[in-house]
């Protein structure tokens, strides 16, 4: 995970600072009662800072591997995904909770039980 590694380049240190700010804002959003971190204005502001950063700077290889074109962990309870822009400068950042309490509107999967053959 990018938040747990030693950062050797200035680019990685800038990304680390932005990711930690987003993670802290997500934790504060949960403390304030938001179930979806993206509903909090603080999280939105931190995500906008990351989007602006990538409008003018290329992501590091570690960030690209973890967060671009797929979802990466942002601590234990959150996920982040950065979608590169198709046109223009600004991409899109999405953050959500990935713990069991966050999925209130998802139907749980039920495993199929083996049925006894009919007639026995």
PDB file of N, CA and C in Angstrom:
ATOM      1  N   UNK A   1       0.842  -1.183   0.000  1.00  0.00           N
ATOM      2  CA  UNK A   1       0.000   0.000   0.000  1.00  0.00           C
ATOM      3  C   UNK A   1       0.882   1.239   0.000  1.00  0.00           C
ATOM      4  N   UNK A   2       0.510   2.232  -0.738  1.00  0.00           N
ATOM      5  CA  UNK A   2       1.313   3.434  -0.892  1.00  0.00           C
ATOM      6  C   UNK A   2       1.441   4.221   0.414  1.00  0.00           C
ATOM      7  N   UNK A   3       0.481   4.076   1.322  1.00  0.00           N
ATOM      8  CA  UNK A   3       0.555   4.801   2.590  1.00  0.00           C
ATOM      9  C   UNK A   3       1.539   4.169   3.564  1.00  0.00           C
ATOM     10  N   UNK A   4       1.997   2.955   3.299  1.00  0.00           N
ATOM     11  CA  UNK A   4       2.865   2.263   4.239  1.00  0.00           C
ATOM     12  C   UNK A   4       4.309   2.174   3.769  1.00  0.00           C
ATOM     13  N   UNK A   5       4.630   2.640   2.595  1.00  0.00           N
ATOM     14  CA  UNK A   5       5.972   2.512   2.043  1.00  0.00           C
ATOM     15  C   UNK A   5       6.789   3.773   2.287  1.00  0.00           C
ATOM     16  N   UNK A   6       8.095   3.613   2.221  1.00  0.00           N
ATOM     17  CA  UNK A   6       8.998   4.752   2.330  1.00  0.00           C
ATOM     18  C   UNK A   6       9.032   5.453   0.975  1.00  0.00           C
ATOM     19  N   UNK A   7       8.906   6.754   1.006  1.00  0.00           N
ATOM     20  CA  UNK A   7       8.826   7.534  -0.229  1.00  0.00           C
ATOM     21  C   UNK A   7      10.160   8.216  -0.472  1.00  0.00           C
ATOM     22  N   UNK A   8      10.729   7.962  -1.639  1.00  0.00           N
ATOM     23  CA  UNK A   8      12.073   8.453  -1.927  1.00  0.00           C
ATOM     24  C   UNK A   8      12.090   9.652  -2.861  1.00  0.00           C
ATOM     25  N   UNK A   9      11.027   9.881  -3.600  1.00  0.00           N
ATOM     26  CA  UNK A   9      11.031  10.993  -4.549  1.00  0.00           C
ATOM     27  C   UNK A   9      10.076  12.086  -4.083  1.00  0.00           C
ATOM     28  N   UNK A  10      10.312  13.308  -4.518  1.00  0.00           N
ATOM     29  CA  UNK A  10       9.379  14.395  -4.168  1.00  0.00           C
ATOM     30  C   UNK A  10       7.960  14.136  -4.675  1.00  0.00           C
ATOM     31  N   UNK A  11       7.836  13.498  -5.833  1.00  0.00           N
ATOM     32  CA  UNK A  11       6.516  13.183  -6.385  1.00  0.00           C
ATOM     33  C   UNK A  11       5.760  12.240  -5.450  1.00  0.00           C
ATOM     34  N   UNK A  12       6.439  11.218  -4.948  1.00  0.00           N
ATOM     35  CA  UNK A  12       5.801  10.277  -4.032  1.00  0.00           C
ATOM     36  C   UNK A  12       5.445  10.947  -2.713  1.00  0.00           C
ATOM     37  N   UNK A  13       6.275  11.857  -2.248  1.00  0.00           N
ATOM     38  CA  UNK A  13       5.970  12.562  -0.999  1.00  0.00           C
ATOM     39  C   UNK A  13       4.752  13.466  -1.165  1.00  0.00           C
ATOM     40  N   UNK A  14       4.612  14.120  -2.307  1.00  0.00           N
ATOM     41  CA  UNK A  14       3.430  14.955  -2.566  1.00  0.00           C
ATOM     42  C   UNK A  14       2.160  14.100  -2.604  1.00  0.00           C
ATOM     43  N   UNK A  15       2.225  12.972  -3.286  1.00  0.00           N
ATOM     44  CA  UNK A  15       1.064  12.077  -3.362  1.00  0.00           C
ATOM     45  C   UNK A  15       0.723  11.537  -1.978  1.00  0.00           C
ATOM     46  N   UNK A  16       1.734  11.183  -1.203  1.00  0.00           N
ATOM     47  CA  UNK A  16       1.510  10.677   0.149  1.00  0.00           C
ATOM     48  C   UNK A  16       0.791  11.718   0.998  1.00  0.00           C
ATOM     49  N   UNK A  17       1.231  12.958   0.911  1.00  0.00           N
ATOM     50  CA  UNK A  17       0.596  14.035   1.675  1.00  0.00           C
ATOM     51  C   UNK A  17      -0.872  14.192   1.295  1.00  0.00           C
ATOM     52  N   UNK A  18      -1.168  14.136   0.002  1.00  0.00           N
ATOM     53  CA  UNK A  18      -2.555  14.270  -0.460  1.00  0.00           C
ATOM     54  C   UNK A  18      -3.407  13.070  -0.044  1.00  0.00           C
ATOM     55  N   UNK A  19      -2.853  11.867  -0.129  1.00  0.00           N
ATOM     56  CA  UNK A  19      -3.604  10.676   0.257  1.00  0.00           C
ATOM     57  C   UNK A  19      -3.882  10.635   1.755  1.00  0.00           C
ATOM     58  N   UNK A  20      -2.910  11.052   2.555  1.00  0.00           N
ATOM     59  CA  UNK A  20      -3.124  11.095   4.004  1.00  0.00           C
ATOM     60  C   UNK A  20      -4.197  12.125   4.348  1.00  0.00           C
ATOM     61  N   UNK A  21      -4.196  13.256   3.645  1.00  0.00           N
ATOM     62  CA  UNK A  21      -5.231  14.271   3.884  1.00  0.00           C
ATOM     63  C   UNK A  21      -6.622  13.727   3.542  1.00  0.00           C
ATOM     64  N   UNK A  22      -6.725  12.963   2.460  1.00  0.00           N
ATOM     65  CA  UNK A  22      -8.011  12.366   2.091  1.00  0.00           C
ATOM     66  C   UNK A  22      -8.428  11.331   3.126  1.00  0.00           C
ATOM     67  N   UNK A  23      -7.495  10.497   3.547  1.00  0.00           N
ATOM     68  CA  UNK A  23      -7.823   9.469   4.548  1.00  0.00           C
ATOM     69  C   UNK A  23      -8.274  10.102   5.858  1.00  0.00           C
ATOM     70  N   UNK A  24      -7.574  11.135   6.304  1.00  0.00           N
ATOM     71  CA  UNK A  24      -7.957  11.811   7.544  1.00  0.00           C
ATOM     72  C   UNK A  24      -9.335  12.451   7.403  1.00  0.00           C
ATOM     73  N   UNK A  25      -9.605  13.060   6.256  1.00  0.00           N
ATOM     74  CA  UNK A  25     -10.921  13.661   6.027  1.00  0.00           C
ATOM     75  C   UNK A  25     -12.008  12.590   6.039  1.00  0.00           C
ATOM     76  N   UNK A  26     -11.713  11.397   5.511  1.00  0.00           N
ATOM     77  CA  UNK A  26     -12.689  10.294   5.541  1.00  0.00           C
ATOM     78  C   UNK A  26     -12.964   9.856   6.971  1.00  0.00           C
ATOM     79  N   UNK A  27     -11.921   9.767   7.780  1.00  0.00           N
ATOM     80  CA  UNK A  27     -12.110   9.392   9.182  1.00  0.00           C
ATOM     81  C   UNK A  27     -12.930  10.436   9.925  1.00  0.00           C
ATOM     82  N   UNK A  28     -12.676  11.705   9.640  1.00  0.00           N
ATOM     83  CA  UNK A  28     -13.459  12.774  10.262  1.00  0.00           C
ATOM     84  C   UNK A  28     -14.913  12.734   9.788  1.00  0.00           C
ATOM     85  N   UNK A  29     -15.127  12.387   8.522  1.00  0.00           N
ATOM     86  CA  UNK A  29     -16.496  12.282   7.997  1.00  0.00           C
ATOM     87  C   UNK A  29     -17.269  11.187   8.727  1.00  0.00           C
ATOM     88  N   UNK A  30     -16.612  10.063   8.985  1.00  0.00           N
ATOM     89  CA  UNK A  30     -17.265   8.990   9.737  1.00  0.00           C
ATOM     90  C   UNK A  30     -17.579   9.437  11.155  1.00  0.00           C
ATOM     91  N   UNK A  31     -16.656  10.177  11.764  1.00  0.00           N
ATOM     92  CA  UNK A  31     -16.885  10.660  13.125  1.00  0.00           C
ATOM     93  C   UNK A  31     -18.053  11.639  13.175  1.00  0.00           C
ATOM     94  N   UNK A  32     -18.283  12.366  12.086  1.00  0.00           N
ATOM     95  CA  UNK A  32     -19.394  13.311  12.034  1.00  0.00           C
ATOM     96  C   UNK A  32     -20.705  12.658  11.612  1.00  0.00           C
ATOM     97  N   UNK A  33     -20.676  11.355  11.324  1.00  0.00           N
ATOM     98  CA  UNK A  33     -21.913  10.643  11.021  1.00  0.00           C
ATOM     99  C   UNK A  33     -22.208  10.419   9.556  1.00  0.00           C
ATOM    100  N   UNK A  34     -21.299  10.747   8.659  1.00  0.00           N
ATOM    101  CA  UNK A  34     -21.520  10.489   7.230  1.00  0.00           C
ATOM    102  C   UNK A  34     -21.312   9.005   6.961  1.00  0.00           C
ATOM    103  N   UNK A  35     -22.260   8.372   6.290  1.00  0.00           N
ATOM    104  CA  UNK A  35     -22.070   6.972   5.928  1.00  0.00           C
ATOM    105  C   UNK A  35     -21.258   6.842   4.650  1.00  0.00           C
ATOM    106  N   UNK A  36     -21.392   7.791   3.746  1.00  0.00           N
ATOM    107  CA  UNK A  36     -20.602   7.825   2.519  1.00  0.00           C
ATOM    108  C   UNK A  36     -19.605   8.967   2.655  1.00  0.00           C
ATOM    109  N   UNK A  37     -18.302   8.696   2.599  1.00  0.00           N
ATOM    110  CA  UNK A  37     -17.329   9.779   2.776  1.00  0.00           C
ATOM    111  C   UNK A  37     -17.437  10.880   1.722  1.00  0.00           C
ATOM    112  N   UNK A  38     -17.912  10.548   0.517  1.00  0.00           N
ATOM    113  CA  UNK A  38     -18.011  11.560  -0.538  1.00  0.00           C
ATOM    114  C   UNK A  38     -19.124  12.571  -0.270  1.00  0.00           C
ATOM    115  N   UNK A  39     -19.967  12.330   0.735  1.00  0.00           N
ATOM    116  CA  UNK A  39     -20.996  13.300   1.113  1.00  0.00           C
ATOM    117  C   UNK A  39     -20.421  14.450   1.930  1.00  0.00           C
ATOM    118  N   UNK A  40     -19.221  14.274   2.449  1.00  0.00           N
ATOM    119  CA  UNK A  40     -18.604  15.285   3.308  1.00  0.00           C
ATOM    120  C   UNK A  40     -17.870  16.323   2.453  1.00  0.00           C
ATOM    121  N   UNK A  41     -18.105  17.610   2.701  1.00  0.00           N
ATOM    122  CA  UNK A  41     -17.419  18.654   1.922  1.00  0.00           C
ATOM    123  C   UNK A  41     -15.907  18.631   2.102  1.00  0.00           C
ATOM    124  N   UNK A  42     -15.435  18.226   3.277  1.00  0.00           N
ATOM    125  CA  UNK A  42     -13.986  18.159   3.519  1.00  0.00           C
ATOM    126  C   UNK A  42     -13.339  17.096   2.629  1.00  0.00           C
ATOM    127  N   UNK A  43     -13.983  15.939   2.495  1.00  0.00           N
ATOM    128  CA  UNK A  43     -13.459  14.880   1.636  1.00  0.00           C
ATOM    129  C   UNK A  43     -13.476  15.343   0.181  1.00  0.00           C
ATOM    130  N   UNK A  44     -14.543  16.010  -0.226  1.00  0.00           N
ATOM    131  CA  UNK A  44     -14.625  16.512  -1.594  1.00  0.00           C
ATOM    132  C   UNK A  44     -13.514  17.522  -1.880  1.00  0.00           C
ATOM    133  N   UNK A  45     -13.233  18.380  -0.904  1.00  0.00           N
ATOM    134  CA  UNK A  45     -12.174  19.379  -1.089  1.00  0.00           C
ATOM    135  C   UNK A  45     -10.811  18.709  -1.219  1.00  0.00           C
ATOM    136  N   UNK A  46     -10.556  17.690  -0.389  1.00  0.00           N
ATOM    137  CA  UNK A  46      -9.266  16.984  -0.460  1.00  0.00           C
ATOM    138  C   UNK A  46      -9.136  16.220  -1.783  1.00  0.00           C
ATOM    139  N   UNK A  47     -10.219  15.627  -2.236  1.00  0.00           N
ATOM    140  CA  UNK A  47     -10.198  14.924  -3.526  1.00  0.00           C
ATOM    141  C   UNK A  47      -9.950  15.904  -4.672  1.00  0.00           C
ATOM    142  N   UNK A  48     -10.530  17.104  -4.575  1.00  0.00           N
ATOM    143  CA  UNK A  48     -10.290  18.124  -5.601  1.00  0.00           C
ATOM    144  C   UNK A  48      -8.826  18.554  -5.632  1.00  0.00           C
ATOM    145  N   UNK A  49      -8.176  18.588  -4.461  1.00  0.00           N
ATOM    146  CA  UNK A  49      -6.747  18.907  -4.428  1.00  0.00           C
ATOM    147  C   UNK A  49      -5.936  17.853  -5.171  1.00  0.00           C
ATOM    148  N   UNK A  50      -6.307  16.586  -4.996  1.00  0.00           N
ATOM    149  CA  UNK A  50      -5.616  15.505  -5.702  1.00  0.00           C
ATOM    150  C   UNK A  50      -5.849  15.598  -7.206  1.00  0.00           C
ATOM    151  N   UNK A  51      -7.076  15.902  -7.602  1.00  0.00           N
ATOM    152  CA  UNK A  51      -7.395  16.051  -9.028  1.00  0.00           C
ATOM    153  C   UNK A  51      -6.589  17.195  -9.628  1.00  0.00           C
ATOM    154  N   UNK A  52      -6.511  18.322  -8.929  1.00  0.00           N
ATOM    155  CA  UNK A  52      -5.727  19.463  -9.428  1.00  0.00           C
ATOM    156  C   UNK A  52      -4.249  19.128  -9.516  1.00  0.00           C
ATOM    157  N   UNK A  53      -3.761  18.358  -8.550  1.00  0.00           N
ATOM    158  CA  UNK A  53      -2.351  17.962  -8.576  1.00  0.00           C
ATOM    159  C   UNK A  53      -2.052  17.150  -9.834  1.00  0.00           C
ATOM    160  N   UNK A  54      -2.938  16.200 -10.163  1.00  0.00           N
ATOM    161  CA  UNK A  54      -2.701  15.361 -11.332  1.00  0.00           C
ATOM    162  C   UNK A  54      -3.050  16.043 -12.645  1.00  0.00           C
ATOM    163  N   UNK A  55      -3.669  17.195 -12.583  1.00  0.00           N
ATOM    164  CA  UNK A  55      -3.895  17.955 -13.810  1.00  0.00           C
ATOM    165  C   UNK A  55      -2.573  18.519 -14.327  1.00  0.00           C
ATOM    166  N   UNK A  56      -1.616  18.726 -13.416  1.00  0.00           N
ATOM    167  CA  UNK A  56      -0.351  19.356 -13.800  1.00  0.00           C
ATOM    168  C   UNK A  56       0.870  18.492 -13.523  1.00  0.00           C
ATOM    169  N   UNK A  57       0.719  17.350 -12.863  1.00  0.00           N
ATOM    170  CA  UNK A  57       1.837  16.458 -12.560  1.00  0.00           C
ATOM    171  C   UNK A  57       1.445  15.024 -12.898  1.00  0.00           C
ATOM    172  N   UNK A  58       2.364  14.291 -13.457  1.00  0.00           N
ATOM    173  CA  UNK A  58       2.106  12.881 -13.732  1.00  0.00           C
ATOM    174  C   UNK A  58       2.208  12.091 -12.432  1.00  0.00           C
ATOM    175  N   UNK A  59       1.372  11.057 -12.264  1.00  0.00           N
ATOM    176  CA  UNK A  59       1.458  10.248 -11.053  1.00  0.00           C
ATOM    177  C   UNK A  59       2.726   9.392 -11.051  1.00  0.00           C
ATOM    178  N   UNK A  60       3.146   9.033  -9.856  1.00  0.00           N
ATOM    179  CA  UNK A  60       4.298   8.141  -9.734  1.00  0.00           C
ATOM    180  C   UNK A  60       3.882   6.736 -10.175  1.00  0.00           C
ATOM    181  N   UNK A  61       4.867   5.891 -10.399  1.00  0.00           N
ATOM    182  CA  UNK A  61       4.574   4.515 -10.822  1.00  0.00           C
ATOM    183  C   UNK A  61       3.799   3.762  -9.743  1.00  0.00           C
ATOM    184  N   UNK A  62       4.129   4.002  -8.478  1.00  0.00           N
ATOM    185  CA  UNK A  62       3.426   3.326  -7.378  1.00  0.00           C
ATOM    186  C   UNK A  62       1.961   3.755  -7.333  1.00  0.00           C
ATOM    187  N   UNK A  63       1.690   5.044  -7.507  1.00  0.00           N
ATOM    188  CA  UNK A  63       0.305   5.525  -7.511  1.00  0.00           C
ATOM    189  C   UNK A  63      -0.439   4.951  -8.714  1.00  0.00           C
ATOM    190  N   UNK A  64       0.217   4.945  -9.850  1.00  0.00           N
ATOM    191  CA  UNK A  64      -0.421   4.450 -11.062  1.00  0.00           C
ATOM    192  C   UNK A  64      -0.796   2.982 -10.901  1.00  0.00           C
ATOM    193  N   UNK A  65       0.092   2.177 -10.350  1.00  0.00           N
ATOM    194  CA  UNK A  65      -0.190   0.751 -10.163  1.00  0.00           C
ATOM    195  C   UNK A  65      -1.342   0.514  -9.202  1.00  0.00           C
ATOM    196  N   UNK A  66      -1.468   1.359  -8.192  1.00  0.00           N
ATOM    197  CA  UNK A  66      -2.451   1.077  -7.152  1.00  0.00           C
ATOM    198  C   UNK A  66      -3.814   1.734  -7.365  1.00  0.00           C
ATOM    199  N   UNK A  67      -3.858   2.933  -7.900  1.00  0.00           N
ATOM    200  CA  UNK A  67      -5.114   3.687  -7.896  1.00  0.00           C
ATOM    201  C   UNK A  67      -5.680   4.034  -9.265  1.00  0.00           C
ATOM    202  N   UNK A  68      -4.927   3.918 -10.331  1.00  0.00           N
ATOM    203  CA  UNK A  68      -5.414   4.324 -11.645  1.00  0.00           C
ATOM    204  C   UNK A  68      -5.850   3.080 -12.413  1.00  0.00           C
ATOM    205  N   UNK A  69      -7.070   3.111 -12.901  1.00  0.00           N
ATOM    206  CA  UNK A  69      -7.733   2.024 -13.614  1.00  0.00           C
ATOM    207  C   UNK A  69      -8.141   0.870 -12.708  1.00  0.00           C
ATOM    208  N   UNK A  70      -7.902   0.965 -11.427  1.00  0.00           N
ATOM    209  CA  UNK A  70      -8.441   0.005 -10.477  1.00  0.00           C
ATOM    210  C   UNK A  70      -8.511   0.635  -9.104  1.00  0.00           C
ATOM    211  N   UNK A  71      -9.171  -0.051  -8.209  1.00  0.00           N
ATOM    212  CA  UNK A  71      -9.396   0.470  -6.870  1.00  0.00           C
ATOM    213  C   UNK A  71      -8.258   0.049  -5.963  1.00  0.00           C
ATOM    214  N   UNK A  72      -7.766   1.015  -5.189  1.00  0.00           N
ATOM    215  CA  UNK A  72      -6.700   0.722  -4.242  1.00  0.00           C
ATOM    216  C   UNK A  72      -7.124   1.057  -2.828  1.00  0.00           C
ATOM    217  N   UNK A  73      -6.462   0.429  -1.878  1.00  0.00           N
ATOM    218  CA  UNK A  73      -6.777   0.670  -0.482  1.00  0.00           C
ATOM    219  C   UNK A  73      -6.296   2.046  -0.044  1.00  0.00           C
ATOM    220  N   UNK A  74      -7.096   2.654   0.780  1.00  0.00           N
ATOM    221  CA  UNK A  74      -6.732   3.917   1.415  1.00  0.00           C
ATOM    222  C   UNK A  74      -6.898   3.690   2.914  1.00  0.00           C
ATOM    223  N   UNK A  75      -6.008   2.920   3.480  1.00  0.00           N
ATOM    224  CA  UNK A  75      -6.148   2.516   4.871  1.00  0.00           C
ATOM    225  C   UNK A  75      -6.978   1.247   4.957  1.00  0.00           C
ATOM    226  N   UNK A  76      -7.444   0.942   6.150  1.00  0.00           N
ATOM    227  CA  UNK A  76      -8.181  -0.305   6.355  1.00  0.00           C
ATOM    228  C   UNK A  76      -9.624  -0.242   5.890  1.00  0.00           C
ATOM    229  N   UNK A  77     -10.260   0.909   6.008  1.00  0.00           N
ATOM    230  CA  UNK A  77     -11.703   0.979   5.777  1.00  0.00           C
ATOM    231  C   UNK A  77     -12.125   1.740   4.531  1.00  0.00           C
ATOM    232  N   UNK A  78     -11.191   2.219   3.745  1.00  0.00           N
ATOM    233  CA  UNK A  78     -11.559   3.051   2.603  1.00  0.00           C
ATOM    234  C   UNK A  78     -10.843   2.598   1.339  1.00  0.00           C
ATOM    235  N   UNK A  79     -11.491   2.861   0.207  1.00  0.00           N
ATOM    236  CA  UNK A  79     -10.911   2.591  -1.109  1.00  0.00           C
ATOM    237  C   UNK A  79     -10.922   3.891  -1.914  1.00  0.00           C
ATOM    238  N   UNK A  80      -9.962   4.014  -2.803  1.00  0.00           N
ATOM    239  CA  UNK A  80      -9.864   5.190  -3.659  1.00  0.00           C
ATOM    240  C   UNK A  80      -9.608   4.717  -5.077  1.00  0.00           C
ATOM    241  N   UNK A  81     -10.217   5.412  -6.005  1.00  0.00           N
ATOM    242  CA  UNK A  81      -9.980   5.156  -7.422  1.00  0.00           C
ATOM    243  C   UNK A  81      -9.856   6.483  -8.140  1.00  0.00           C
ATOM    244  N   UNK A  82      -8.819   6.608  -8.962  1.00  0.00           N
ATOM    245  CA  UNK A  82      -8.633   7.802  -9.776  1.00  0.00           C
ATOM    246  C   UNK A  82      -8.859   7.417 -11.226  1.00  0.00           C
ATOM    247  N   UNK A  83      -9.776   8.114 -11.868  1.00  0.00           N
ATOM    248  CA  UNK A  83     -10.072   7.882 -13.280  1.00  0.00           C
ATOM    249  C   UNK A  83      -9.433   9.002 -14.076  1.00  0.00           C
ATOM    250  N   UNK A  84      -8.596   8.629 -15.011  1.00  0.00           N
ATOM    251  CA  UNK A  84      -7.910   9.622 -15.830  1.00  0.00           C
ATOM    252  C   UNK A  84      -8.901  10.346 -16.738  1.00  0.00           C
ATOM    253  N   UNK A  85      -8.614  11.616 -17.055  1.00  0.00           N
ATOM    254  CA  UNK A  85      -9.541  12.369 -17.911  1.00  0.00           C
ATOM    255  C   UNK A  85      -9.503  11.871 -19.355  1.00  0.00           C
ATOM    256  N   UNK A  86     -10.679  11.814 -19.965  1.00  0.00           N
ATOM    257  CA  UNK A  86     -10.761  11.478 -21.382  1.00  0.00           C
ATOM    258  C   UNK A  86     -10.464  12.706 -22.230  1.00  0.00           C
ATOM    259  N   UNK A  87     -10.937  13.862 -21.741  1.00  0.00           N
ATOM    260  CA  UNK A  87     -10.664  15.144 -22.383  1.00  0.00           C
ATOM    261  C   UNK A  87     -10.356  16.141 -21.287  1.00  0.00           C
ATOM    262  N   UNK A  88      -9.588  17.141 -21.610  1.00  0.00           N
ATOM    263  CA  UNK A  88      -9.287  18.177 -20.638  1.00  0.00           C
ATOM    264  C   UNK A  88      -8.211  17.738 -19.656  1.00  0.00           C
ATOM    265  N   UNK A  89      -8.119  18.470 -18.539  1.00  0.00           N
ATOM    266  CA  UNK A  89      -7.048  18.248 -17.568  1.00  0.00           C
ATOM    267  C   UNK A  89      -7.464  17.440 -16.356  1.00  0.00           C
ATOM    268  N   UNK A  90      -8.740  17.488 -16.003  1.00  0.00           N
ATOM    269  CA  UNK A  90      -9.157  16.984 -14.701  1.00  0.00           C
ATOM    270  C   UNK A  90      -9.764  15.588 -14.781  1.00  0.00           C
ATOM    271  N   UNK A  91      -9.226  14.697 -13.959  1.00  0.00           N
ATOM    272  CA  UNK A  91      -9.768  13.357 -13.822  1.00  0.00           C
ATOM    273  C   UNK A  91     -10.844  13.343 -12.748  1.00  0.00           C
ATOM    274  N   UNK A  92     -11.112  12.159 -12.217  1.00  0.00           N
ATOM    275  CA  UNK A  92     -12.157  12.026 -11.208  1.00  0.00           C
ATOM    276  C   UNK A  92     -11.656  11.098 -10.106  1.00  0.00           C
ATOM    277  N   UNK A  93     -11.912  11.499  -8.851  1.00  0.00           N
ATOM    278  CA  UNK A  93     -11.541  10.691  -7.694  1.00  0.00           C
ATOM    279  C   UNK A  93     -12.811  10.243  -6.995  1.00  0.00           C
ATOM    280  N   UNK A  94     -12.873   8.954  -6.682  1.00  0.00           N
ATOM    281  CA  UNK A  94     -13.978   8.406  -5.911  1.00  0.00           C
ATOM    282  C   UNK A  94     -13.408   7.732  -4.673  1.00  0.00           C
ATOM    283  N   UNK A  95     -14.036   7.962  -3.537  1.00  0.00           N
ATOM    284  CA  UNK A  95     -13.639   7.347  -2.278  1.00  0.00           C
ATOM    285  C   UNK A  95     -14.878   6.705  -1.675  1.00  0.00           C
ATOM    286  N   UNK A  96     -14.750   5.520  -1.132  1.00  0.00           N
ATOM    287  CA  UNK A  96     -15.872   4.882  -0.450  1.00  0.00           C
ATOM    288  C   UNK A  96     -15.355   3.966   0.637  1.00  0.00           C
ATOM    289  N   UNK A  97     -16.286   3.597   1.517  1.00  0.00           N
ATOM    290  CA  UNK A  97     -15.964   2.671   2.602  1.00  0.00           C
ATOM    291  C   UNK A  97     -16.005   1.252   2.059  1.00  0.00           C
ATOM    292  N   UNK A  98     -15.143   0.414   2.591  1.00  0.00           N
ATOM    293  CA  UNK A  98     -15.147  -0.978   2.154  1.00  0.00           C
ATOM    294  C   UNK A  98     -15.324  -1.948   3.313  1.00  0.00           C
ATOM    295  N   UNK A  99     -15.842  -1.482   4.428  1.00  0.00           N
ATOM    296  CA  UNK A  99     -16.074  -2.397   5.544  1.00  0.00           C
ATOM    297  C   UNK A  99     -17.486  -2.965   5.479  1.00  0.00           C
ATOM    298  N   UNK A 100     -17.777  -3.907   6.335  1.00  0.00           N
ATOM    299  CA  UNK A 100     -19.053  -4.606   6.270  1.00  0.00           C
ATOM    300  C   UNK A 100     -20.240  -3.721   6.639  1.00  0.00           C
ATOM    301  N   UNK A 101     -20.039  -2.669   7.413  1.00  0.00           N
ATOM    302  CA  UNK A 101     -21.136  -1.789   7.800  1.00  0.00           C
ATOM    303  C   UNK A 101     -21.531  -0.824   6.688  1.00  0.00           C
ATOM    304  N   UNK A 102     -20.694  -0.673   5.690  1.00  0.00           N
ATOM    305  CA  UNK A 102     -20.953   0.308   4.635  1.00  0.00           C
ATOM    306  C   UNK A 102     -21.937  -0.198   3.595  1.00  0.00           C
ATOM    307  N   UNK A 103     -22.067  -1.477   3.455  1.00  0.00           N
ATOM    308  CA  UNK A 103     -22.907  -2.015   2.388  1.00  0.00           C
ATOM    309  C   UNK A 103     -24.307  -2.290   2.916  1.00  0.00           C
ATOM    310  N   UNK A 104     -25.079  -1.252   3.074  1.00  0.00           N
ATOM    311  CA  UNK A 104     -26.443  -1.383   3.582  1.00  0.00           C
ATOM    312  C   UNK A 104     -27.426  -1.700   2.466  1.00  0.00           C
ATOM    313  N   UNK A 105     -27.107  -1.336   1.232  1.00  0.00           N
ATOM    314  CA  UNK A 105     -28.065  -1.529   0.143  1.00  0.00           C
ATOM    315  C   UNK A 105     -27.667  -2.667  -0.793  1.00  0.00           C
ATOM    316  N   UNK A 106     -26.749  -3.514  -0.388  1.00  0.00           N
ATOM    317  CA  UNK A 106     -26.317  -4.626  -1.216  1.00  0.00           C
ATOM    318  C   UNK A 106     -26.900  -5.907  -0.648  1.00  0.00           C
ATOM    319  N   UNK A 107     -27.520  -6.681  -1.522  1.00  0.00           N
ATOM    320  CA  UNK A 107     -28.130  -7.928  -1.088  1.00  0.00           C
ATOM    321  C   UNK A 107     -27.021  -8.955  -0.840  1.00  0.00           C
ATOM    322  N   UNK A 108     -27.016  -9.632   0.315  1.00  0.00           N
ATOM    323  CA  UNK A 108     -25.956 -10.606   0.573  1.00  0.00           C
ATOM    324  C   UNK A 108     -26.108 -11.827  -0.325  1.00  0.00           C
ATOM    325  N   UNK A 109     -24.984 -12.384  -0.712  1.00  0.00           N
ATOM    326  CA  UNK A 109     -24.998 -13.586  -1.536  1.00  0.00           C
ATOM    327  C   UNK A 109     -25.314 -14.791  -0.659  1.00  0.00           C
ATOM    328  N   UNK A 110     -26.167 -15.639  -1.149  1.00  0.00           N
ATOM    329  CA  UNK A 110     -26.487 -16.867  -0.434  1.00  0.00           C
ATOM    330  C   UNK A 110     -25.855 -18.028  -1.192  1.00  0.00           C
ATOM    331  N   UNK A 111     -25.237 -18.920  -0.462  1.00  0.00           N
ATOM    332  CA  UNK A 111     -24.630 -20.064  -1.124  1.00  0.00           C
ATOM    333  C   UNK A 111     -25.703 -21.101  -1.399  1.00  0.00           C
ATOM    334  N   UNK A 112     -25.516 -21.807  -2.458  1.00  0.00           N
ATOM    335  CA  UNK A 112     -26.475 -22.858  -2.837  1.00  0.00           C
ATOM    336  C   UNK A 112     -26.231 -24.072  -1.947  1.00  0.00           C
ATOM    337  N   UNK A 113     -27.287 -24.588  -1.406  1.00  0.00           N
ATOM    338  CA  UNK A 113     -27.170 -25.809  -0.628  1.00  0.00           C
ATOM    339  C   UNK A 113     -27.517 -26.982  -1.514  1.00  0.00           C
ATOM    340  N   UNK A 114     -26.850 -28.061  -1.295  1.00  0.00           N
ATOM    341  CA  UNK A 114     -27.117 -29.223  -2.130  1.00  0.00           C
ATOM    342  C   UNK A 114     -28.433 -29.852  -1.682  1.00  0.00           C
ATOM    343  N   UNK A 115     -29.329 -30.025  -2.592  1.00  0.00           N
ATOM    344  CA  UNK A 115     -30.643 -30.586  -2.292  1.00  0.00           C
ATOM    345  C   UNK A 115     -30.578 -32.104  -2.394  1.00  0.00           C
ATOM    346  N   UNK A 116     -31.355 -32.732  -1.576  1.00  0.00           N
ATOM    347  CA  UNK A 116     -31.438 -34.197  -1.640  1.00  0.00           C
ATOM    348  C   UNK A 116     -32.199 -34.590  -2.887  1.00  0.00           C
ATOM    349  N   UNK A 117     -31.808 -35.659  -3.544  1.00  0.00           N
ATOM    350  CA  UNK A 117     -32.515 -36.095  -4.754  1.00  0.00           C
ATOM    351  C   UNK A 117     -33.974 -36.408  -4.447  1.00  0.00           C
ATOM    352  N   UNK A 118     -34.845 -36.090  -5.358  1.00  0.00           N
ATOM    353  CA  UNK A 118     -36.276 -36.333  -5.196  1.00  0.00           C
ATOM    354  C   UNK A 118     -36.539 -37.825  -5.255  1.00  0.00           C
ATOM    355  N   UNK A 119     -37.404 -38.315  -4.378  1.00  0.00           N
ATOM    356  CA  UNK A 119     -37.800 -39.703  -4.405  1.00  0.00           C
ATOM    357  C   UNK A 119     -37.003 -40.571  -3.440  1.00  0.00           C
ATOM    358  N   UNK A 120     -36.151 -40.046  -2.668  1.00  0.00           N
ATOM    359  CA  UNK A 120     -35.397 -40.866  -1.712  1.00  0.00           C
ATOM    360  C   UNK A 120     -35.794 -40.575  -0.324  1.00  0.00           C
TER     361      UNK A 120
END
